N, C-alpha and C. Protein backbone atom coordinates (compact mmCIF):
# COMPACT_ATOMS: atom_id res chain seq x y z
N MET A 1 0.62 -1.14 0.13
CA MET A 1 0.15 0.21 -0.44
C MET A 1 1.16 1.31 0.39
N ASP A 2 0.83 2.34 -0.97
CA ASP A 2 1.36 3.66 -0.94
C ASP A 2 0.45 4.17 0.46
N THR A 3 1.35 4.67 1.06
CA THR A 3 1.78 5.26 2.55
C THR A 3 1.19 6.63 2.14
N GLN A 4 2.15 6.94 0.82
CA GLN A 4 2.23 8.57 1.05
C GLN A 4 0.25 8.93 0.66
N THR A 5 -0.50 8.38 0.29
CA THR A 5 -1.11 8.71 -0.79
C THR A 5 -2.48 9.15 0.18
N PRO A 6 -2.85 9.14 1.33
CA PRO A 6 -4.17 9.50 1.90
C PRO A 6 -3.21 10.94 1.99
N HIS A 7 -2.13 11.19 2.11
CA HIS A 7 -1.67 12.91 2.39
C HIS A 7 -1.56 13.92 1.10
N HIS A 8 -1.94 13.46 -0.16
CA HIS A 8 -2.15 13.99 -1.46
C HIS A 8 -3.16 15.16 -0.95
N SER A 9 -2.63 15.93 -1.97
CA SER A 9 -3.29 16.76 -2.46
C SER A 9 -4.52 16.74 -2.81
N GLU A 10 -5.89 17.92 -3.62
CA GLU A 10 -5.79 17.28 -4.71
C GLU A 10 -5.50 17.58 -5.92
N GLU A 11 -4.53 19.05 -5.88
CA GLU A 11 -3.68 18.95 -6.84
C GLU A 11 -2.88 17.71 -7.69
N ASP A 12 -2.30 17.20 -5.99
CA ASP A 12 -1.39 16.16 -6.50
C ASP A 12 -2.28 14.93 -7.21
N TRP A 13 -3.47 14.63 -6.48
CA TRP A 13 -4.20 14.09 -7.60
C TRP A 13 -4.54 13.75 -8.73
N LYS A 14 -4.73 15.23 -9.23
CA LYS A 14 -5.07 15.68 -10.54
C LYS A 14 -4.09 15.13 -11.53
N GLU A 15 -2.67 15.14 -11.14
CA GLU A 15 -1.46 14.89 -11.49
C GLU A 15 -1.63 13.54 -11.32
N LYS A 16 -1.85 13.11 -10.58
CA LYS A 16 -1.85 10.95 -10.76
C LYS A 16 -2.54 10.16 -10.96
N LEU A 17 -4.02 10.96 -10.54
CA LEU A 17 -4.74 10.20 -11.80
C LEU A 17 -5.20 10.84 -13.32
N SER A 18 -5.92 9.48 -13.82
CA SER A 18 -6.29 10.43 -15.33
C SER A 18 -7.22 11.19 -15.06
N GLN A 19 -8.37 11.68 -16.25
CA GLN A 19 -8.99 12.34 -15.75
C GLN A 19 -10.25 11.66 -15.05
N GLU A 20 -10.83 10.47 -16.19
CA GLU A 20 -11.89 9.81 -16.24
C GLU A 20 -11.46 8.98 -14.10
N GLN A 21 -10.31 9.13 -14.16
CA GLN A 21 -10.48 8.17 -12.63
C GLN A 21 -10.82 9.51 -10.89
N TYR A 22 -10.37 10.37 -11.94
CA TYR A 22 -9.72 11.52 -10.81
C TYR A 22 -11.84 11.81 -10.69
N GLN A 23 -12.22 11.80 -11.86
CA GLN A 23 -14.21 12.21 -11.50
C GLN A 23 -14.97 10.94 -10.36
N VAL A 24 -14.33 9.65 -11.12
CA VAL A 24 -14.59 8.56 -10.25
C VAL A 24 -14.93 9.07 -8.34
N LEU A 25 -12.57 8.58 -8.55
CA LEU A 25 -12.69 8.41 -7.48
C LEU A 25 -12.67 9.92 -6.32
N ARG A 26 -12.46 10.34 -6.74
CA ARG A 26 -12.10 12.13 -5.83
C ARG A 26 -13.25 12.83 -5.79
N GLN A 27 -14.66 12.73 -6.63
CA GLN A 27 -15.78 13.58 -7.31
C GLN A 27 -16.76 12.74 -7.06
N SER A 28 -17.01 11.26 -6.81
CA SER A 28 -17.75 10.84 -6.77
C SER A 28 -18.68 10.02 -7.81
N GLY A 29 -18.13 10.32 -9.00
CA GLY A 29 -18.56 10.12 -10.22
C GLY A 29 -18.83 8.49 -10.38
N THR A 30 -19.74 8.51 -11.31
CA THR A 30 -20.05 6.59 -12.12
C THR A 30 -19.82 6.82 -13.22
N GLU A 31 -18.77 5.25 -13.91
CA GLU A 31 -18.89 5.20 -14.97
C GLU A 31 -19.72 4.26 -15.56
N SER A 32 -20.17 4.60 -16.82
CA SER A 32 -21.13 4.06 -17.45
C SER A 32 -21.40 2.68 -17.34
N PRO A 33 -22.43 2.38 -17.45
CA PRO A 33 -22.69 0.41 -16.97
C PRO A 33 -22.16 -0.18 -18.36
N PHE A 34 -21.59 -1.20 -17.98
CA PHE A 34 -21.27 -2.43 -18.70
C PHE A 34 -19.90 -1.54 -19.94
N THR A 35 -19.26 -0.75 -19.42
CA THR A 35 -17.86 -0.46 -20.39
C THR A 35 -16.46 -0.79 -19.62
N GLY A 36 -16.69 -0.75 -18.38
CA GLY A 36 -15.82 -0.91 -17.30
C GLY A 36 -14.66 -2.34 -18.00
N LYS A 37 -13.77 -2.05 -17.12
CA LYS A 37 -12.56 -3.57 -18.13
C LYS A 37 -12.81 -4.44 -16.75
N TYR A 38 -13.42 -3.78 -15.73
CA TYR A 38 -13.19 -5.53 -14.78
C TYR A 38 -14.45 -6.13 -14.77
N TYR A 39 -15.63 -5.36 -15.92
CA TYR A 39 -17.20 -6.27 -15.76
C TYR A 39 -17.86 -7.15 -16.15
N LYS A 40 -16.94 -7.79 -16.84
CA LYS A 40 -16.39 -8.93 -17.17
C LYS A 40 -15.31 -10.09 -16.88
N HIS A 41 -14.27 -9.32 -16.62
CA HIS A 41 -13.24 -9.87 -15.82
C HIS A 41 -13.54 -11.42 -15.07
N LYS A 42 -12.52 -12.12 -14.77
CA LYS A 42 -12.69 -13.85 -14.45
C LYS A 42 -11.28 -14.22 -13.81
N GLU A 43 -9.93 -13.00 -14.17
CA GLU A 43 -9.01 -14.00 -13.37
C GLU A 43 -8.99 -13.61 -12.02
N ASP A 44 -8.46 -15.23 -11.67
CA ASP A 44 -8.14 -15.17 -9.84
C ASP A 44 -7.48 -14.18 -9.17
N GLY A 45 -7.64 -13.78 -8.41
CA GLY A 45 -6.66 -12.00 -7.77
C GLY A 45 -7.04 -11.27 -6.78
N MET A 46 -6.81 -9.99 -6.84
CA MET A 46 -7.31 -9.03 -5.86
C MET A 46 -7.21 -8.06 -6.99
N TYR A 47 -8.55 -7.32 -6.57
CA TYR A 47 -8.85 -5.94 -6.91
C TYR A 47 -8.51 -5.40 -5.79
N VAL A 48 -7.23 -4.01 -6.18
CA VAL A 48 -7.01 -3.03 -5.45
C VAL A 48 -7.52 -1.86 -5.85
N CYS A 49 -7.76 -0.32 -4.60
CA CYS A 49 -8.05 0.26 -4.90
C CYS A 49 -7.45 1.27 -6.29
N GLY A 50 -7.66 1.90 -7.45
CA GLY A 50 -7.21 2.19 -7.86
C GLY A 50 -6.25 3.87 -7.90
N ALA A 51 -6.13 4.27 -6.50
CA ALA A 51 -5.90 5.36 -6.33
C ALA A 51 -4.38 5.09 -5.42
N CYS A 52 -4.46 3.65 -4.49
CA CYS A 52 -3.87 3.51 -3.10
C CYS A 52 -3.35 2.12 -3.35
N ASN A 53 -3.66 1.33 -3.69
CA ASN A 53 -3.14 0.13 -3.89
C ASN A 53 -3.80 -0.75 -2.71
N ASN A 54 -5.13 -0.55 -1.58
CA ASN A 54 -5.08 -0.77 -0.87
C ASN A 54 -6.08 -1.96 -0.84
N GLU A 55 -6.02 -3.13 -0.92
CA GLU A 55 -6.41 -4.57 -1.43
C GLU A 55 -8.08 -3.99 -0.35
N LEU A 56 -8.41 -4.86 -1.79
CA LEU A 56 -10.45 -4.08 -1.65
C LEU A 56 -11.07 -5.85 -1.67
N PHE A 57 -11.11 -6.41 -2.79
CA PHE A 57 -12.14 -7.32 -3.18
C PHE A 57 -11.33 -9.03 -3.66
N SER A 58 -11.62 -9.45 -3.44
CA SER A 58 -11.05 -11.17 -3.35
C SER A 58 -11.86 -11.16 -4.96
N SER A 59 -10.90 -11.91 -6.07
CA SER A 59 -12.08 -12.38 -7.07
C SER A 59 -12.48 -13.33 -6.91
N ASN A 60 -12.93 -14.18 -5.61
CA ASN A 60 -13.34 -14.95 -4.87
C ASN A 60 -14.91 -14.80 -5.37
N THR A 61 -14.64 -13.34 -4.70
CA THR A 61 -16.06 -13.35 -3.91
C THR A 61 -16.89 -11.77 -5.58
N LYS A 62 -16.63 -12.25 -6.66
CA LYS A 62 -17.09 -11.16 -7.63
C LYS A 62 -18.07 -12.06 -8.59
N PHE A 63 -19.19 -11.56 -8.80
CA PHE A 63 -20.11 -12.85 -9.12
C PHE A 63 -21.34 -11.54 -10.03
N GLU A 64 -21.48 -12.14 -11.18
CA GLU A 64 -22.66 -11.77 -11.86
C GLU A 64 -23.59 -11.06 -12.04
N SER A 65 -23.81 -9.55 -11.57
CA SER A 65 -25.41 -9.34 -10.69
C SER A 65 -26.33 -8.57 -11.80
N GLY A 66 -25.55 -8.57 -13.62
CA GLY A 66 -26.50 -7.95 -14.52
C GLY A 66 -26.65 -6.61 -14.90
N SER A 67 -26.28 -5.80 -13.27
CA SER A 67 -26.04 -4.47 -12.74
C SER A 67 -25.19 -3.37 -13.69
N GLY A 68 -24.34 -4.17 -14.33
CA GLY A 68 -23.07 -3.15 -15.88
C GLY A 68 -22.00 -2.58 -14.45
N TRP A 69 -21.64 -3.60 -13.69
CA TRP A 69 -20.29 -3.00 -13.10
C TRP A 69 -20.28 -4.65 -12.28
N PRO A 70 -18.82 -4.52 -12.33
CA PRO A 70 -18.16 -5.06 -11.00
C PRO A 70 -19.30 -5.49 -9.63
N SER A 71 -19.48 -6.59 -9.20
CA SER A 71 -20.12 -6.46 -8.37
C SER A 71 -19.38 -7.71 -7.17
N PHE A 72 -19.50 -7.62 -5.51
CA PHE A 72 -18.63 -8.99 -5.41
C PHE A 72 -19.51 -8.49 -3.96
N THR A 73 -19.66 -10.16 -3.25
CA THR A 73 -20.18 -10.01 -2.00
C THR A 73 -19.96 -9.88 -0.92
N ASP A 74 -18.54 -9.25 -1.20
CA ASP A 74 -18.24 -9.01 0.76
C ASP A 74 -16.50 -8.38 -0.02
N PRO A 75 -16.15 -7.60 1.07
CA PRO A 75 -14.41 -6.85 1.06
C PRO A 75 -14.21 -7.78 1.27
N ILE A 76 -12.31 -7.76 1.22
CA ILE A 76 -11.79 -8.62 1.76
C ILE A 76 -11.55 -8.16 3.42
N ASN A 77 -11.74 -7.34 3.72
CA ASN A 77 -11.46 -6.99 5.11
C ASN A 77 -12.46 -5.62 5.21
N LYS A 78 -13.15 -5.69 6.75
CA LYS A 78 -14.38 -4.52 6.25
C LYS A 78 -13.48 -3.52 6.93
N GLU A 79 -11.92 -3.62 7.37
CA GLU A 79 -11.87 -2.58 7.54
C GLU A 79 -11.02 -1.93 6.97
N HIS A 80 -11.28 -2.30 5.94
CA HIS A 80 -10.55 -1.69 4.20
C HIS A 80 -11.40 -0.74 3.71
N ILE A 81 -12.39 -0.78 3.95
CA ILE A 81 -13.51 0.24 3.41
C ILE A 81 -13.80 0.93 4.61
N ILE A 82 -14.98 2.11 3.95
CA ILE A 82 -16.09 3.14 4.65
C ILE A 82 -17.00 2.67 4.25
N LEU A 83 -17.96 3.18 4.96
CA LEU A 83 -19.43 2.81 4.22
C LEU A 83 -19.93 3.78 4.70
N GLU A 84 -20.40 5.28 4.05
CA GLU A 84 -21.36 6.37 4.53
C GLU A 84 -23.27 6.28 3.71
N GLU A 85 -23.75 7.01 5.25
CA GLU A 85 -25.23 7.80 3.54
C GLU A 85 -24.80 8.30 2.82
N ASP A 86 -25.17 8.08 1.66
CA ASP A 86 -25.01 9.16 -0.33
C ASP A 86 -26.88 8.87 -0.49
N SER A 87 -27.44 10.71 -0.40
CA SER A 87 -28.35 11.30 -0.60
C SER A 87 -28.44 11.89 -1.76
N THR A 88 -27.51 11.22 -2.31
CA THR A 88 -27.73 12.20 -3.84
C THR A 88 -28.31 11.97 -4.53
N HIS A 89 -28.57 12.64 -5.59
CA HIS A 89 -29.56 11.93 -7.18
C HIS A 89 -30.93 11.91 -6.44
N GLY A 90 -31.66 12.60 -5.73
CA GLY A 90 -32.31 11.72 -5.53
C GLY A 90 -33.10 10.57 -4.79
N MET A 91 -31.67 9.85 -4.56
CA MET A 91 -32.71 8.62 -3.89
C MET A 91 -31.14 7.97 -2.74
N VAL A 92 -31.60 7.18 -1.22
CA VAL A 92 -30.89 6.88 -0.59
C VAL A 92 -29.99 5.72 -0.41
N ARG A 93 -28.43 6.04 -0.34
CA ARG A 93 -27.98 4.31 -1.13
C ARG A 93 -26.67 4.44 0.03
N THR A 94 -26.05 3.30 0.04
CA THR A 94 -24.83 3.57 1.33
C THR A 94 -23.52 3.47 0.09
N GLU A 95 -22.40 4.30 -0.07
CA GLU A 95 -21.61 4.79 -0.88
C GLU A 95 -20.15 3.70 -0.04
N VAL A 96 -19.85 3.56 -0.59
CA VAL A 96 -18.70 2.45 -0.78
C VAL A 96 -17.17 3.60 -1.21
N ARG A 97 -16.55 3.58 0.07
CA ARG A 97 -15.15 4.60 -0.17
C ARG A 97 -14.00 3.67 0.90
N CYS A 98 -13.03 3.83 0.22
CA CYS A 98 -11.39 3.25 0.26
C CYS A 98 -11.11 4.18 1.86
N LYS A 99 -10.71 3.29 3.06
CA LYS A 99 -10.19 3.42 4.17
C LYS A 99 -8.99 4.58 4.18
N HIS A 100 -8.31 3.62 2.83
CA HIS A 100 -6.64 4.22 3.46
C HIS A 100 -6.73 5.88 2.71
N CYS A 101 -7.47 6.04 1.51
CA CYS A 101 -7.08 7.67 1.14
C CYS A 101 -8.34 7.68 0.41
N ASN A 102 -10.09 7.84 1.23
CA ASN A 102 -10.87 8.44 1.16
C ASN A 102 -11.72 8.05 -0.13
N SER A 103 -10.96 7.51 -1.41
CA SER A 103 -11.94 7.61 -2.77
C SER A 103 -12.98 6.90 -2.99
N HIS A 104 -13.71 7.77 -3.14
CA HIS A 104 -15.16 7.14 -3.90
C HIS A 104 -14.51 5.44 -4.64
N LEU A 105 -15.87 4.40 -4.52
CA LEU A 105 -15.21 3.42 -5.26
C LEU A 105 -16.59 2.93 -6.01
N GLY A 106 -17.60 2.78 -4.90
CA GLY A 106 -19.15 2.33 -5.59
C GLY A 106 -20.40 2.52 -4.51
N HIS A 107 -21.04 1.63 -4.83
CA HIS A 107 -22.47 1.57 -3.27
C HIS A 107 -22.43 0.01 -3.21
N VAL A 108 -22.98 0.15 -2.40
CA VAL A 108 -23.54 -1.03 -1.52
C VAL A 108 -24.95 -1.60 -1.49
N PHE A 109 -24.98 -2.57 -1.95
CA PHE A 109 -26.84 -2.51 -1.87
C PHE A 109 -27.32 -3.84 -0.81
N PRO A 110 -27.98 -4.19 -0.19
CA PRO A 110 -28.87 -5.54 0.06
C PRO A 110 -29.48 -6.31 -0.77
N ASP A 111 -28.67 -6.25 -2.08
CA ASP A 111 -29.46 -7.50 -2.91
C ASP A 111 -28.68 -8.59 -3.82
N GLY A 112 -27.73 -8.91 -2.52
CA GLY A 112 -26.48 -9.56 -3.45
C GLY A 112 -27.16 -10.98 -2.82
N PRO A 113 -26.06 -11.99 -3.34
CA PRO A 113 -26.33 -13.31 -3.14
C PRO A 113 -24.95 -14.13 -1.82
N GLY A 114 -25.01 -14.88 -1.52
CA GLY A 114 -24.10 -15.08 -0.54
C GLY A 114 -24.99 -14.73 0.87
N LYS A 115 -23.95 -15.22 2.34
CA LYS A 115 -24.56 -15.26 3.89
C LYS A 115 -25.01 -13.85 3.83
N SER A 116 -23.52 -12.26 3.04
CA SER A 116 -23.70 -11.10 3.64
C SER A 116 -25.62 -10.97 2.96
N GLY A 117 -25.57 -11.25 1.75
CA GLY A 117 -26.54 -10.79 1.19
C GLY A 117 -26.24 -9.27 0.45
N ASN A 118 -25.06 -9.38 0.48
CA ASN A 118 -24.61 -7.28 0.12
C ASN A 118 -24.54 -7.80 -1.61
N ARG A 119 -24.80 -6.89 -2.46
CA ARG A 119 -24.25 -6.61 -3.71
C ARG A 119 -22.99 -5.27 -3.48
N PHE A 120 -21.76 -5.29 -3.12
CA PHE A 120 -20.78 -4.14 -3.60
C PHE A 120 -20.54 -4.35 -4.92
N CYS A 121 -21.19 -2.85 -5.14
CA CYS A 121 -21.84 -2.46 -7.17
C CYS A 121 -20.19 -1.48 -7.13
N ILE A 122 -18.76 -1.70 -7.60
CA ILE A 122 -17.97 -0.76 -7.59
C ILE A 122 -17.14 -0.41 -8.58
N ASN A 123 -17.38 0.21 -9.11
CA ASN A 123 -16.67 1.09 -10.26
C ASN A 123 -15.09 0.57 -10.88
N SER A 124 -15.59 -0.25 -12.28
CA SER A 124 -13.91 -0.68 -12.96
C SER A 124 -13.03 0.37 -12.90
N ILE A 125 -12.89 1.66 -13.39
CA ILE A 125 -12.16 2.73 -12.98
C ILE A 125 -11.44 2.86 -11.70
N ALA A 126 -12.31 2.29 -10.80
CA ALA A 126 -12.12 2.84 -9.03
C ALA A 126 -10.92 1.52 -8.72
N LEU A 127 -10.66 0.59 -9.76
CA LEU A 127 -10.11 -0.29 -9.37
C LEU A 127 -8.84 -0.73 -9.85
N ASP A 128 -7.52 -1.40 -9.79
CA ASP A 128 -6.84 -2.07 -10.00
C ASP A 128 -6.69 -3.76 -9.83
N PHE A 129 -5.88 -4.40 -10.52
CA PHE A 129 -6.26 -6.09 -10.19
C PHE A 129 -4.83 -6.42 -10.78
N LYS A 130 -4.21 -6.83 -8.97
CA LYS A 130 -2.98 -7.92 -8.94
C LYS A 130 -3.50 -9.61 -8.96
N PRO A 131 -2.62 -9.96 -10.54
CA PRO A 131 -3.58 -11.24 -10.70
C PRO A 131 -2.92 -12.20 -9.33
N LYS A 132 -3.40 -13.55 -8.95
CA LYS A 132 -2.69 -14.24 -7.93
C LYS A 132 -1.42 -14.99 -8.82
N THR A 133 -0.92 -15.11 -8.09
CA THR A 133 0.71 -15.60 -8.21
C THR A 133 0.70 -17.08 -7.78
N GLU A 134 1.26 -18.06 -8.12
CA GLU A 134 1.32 -19.57 -8.06
C GLU A 134 2.04 -19.54 -7.04
């Protein structure tokens, strides 16, 4: 994990991230559904924060939700994320943020499979992927 990341200024973020990443990660935007690079991605490994490399989701928890965004049942560690109420766009949702750098990742909904019943709906552009090494 990049321990310098949480101390970046917004100008630093603008230099570090692409315009699209900045819009999602730092301004709580959303990429268009069915367009992200990890939407249909099936490789084994770890999905990490696209801003700071904080480990977020294992490929073992990824599932096809039909929503248009990568979906996961659970984070790798609940201590790696922050859940906050989001009442923007005329609805109340639960926003998912990276606990290490406070970047916006997506939202979580109570309509997923598995024991938790959660569907973490995450923007591909907010993620990087680290393949599992043998």
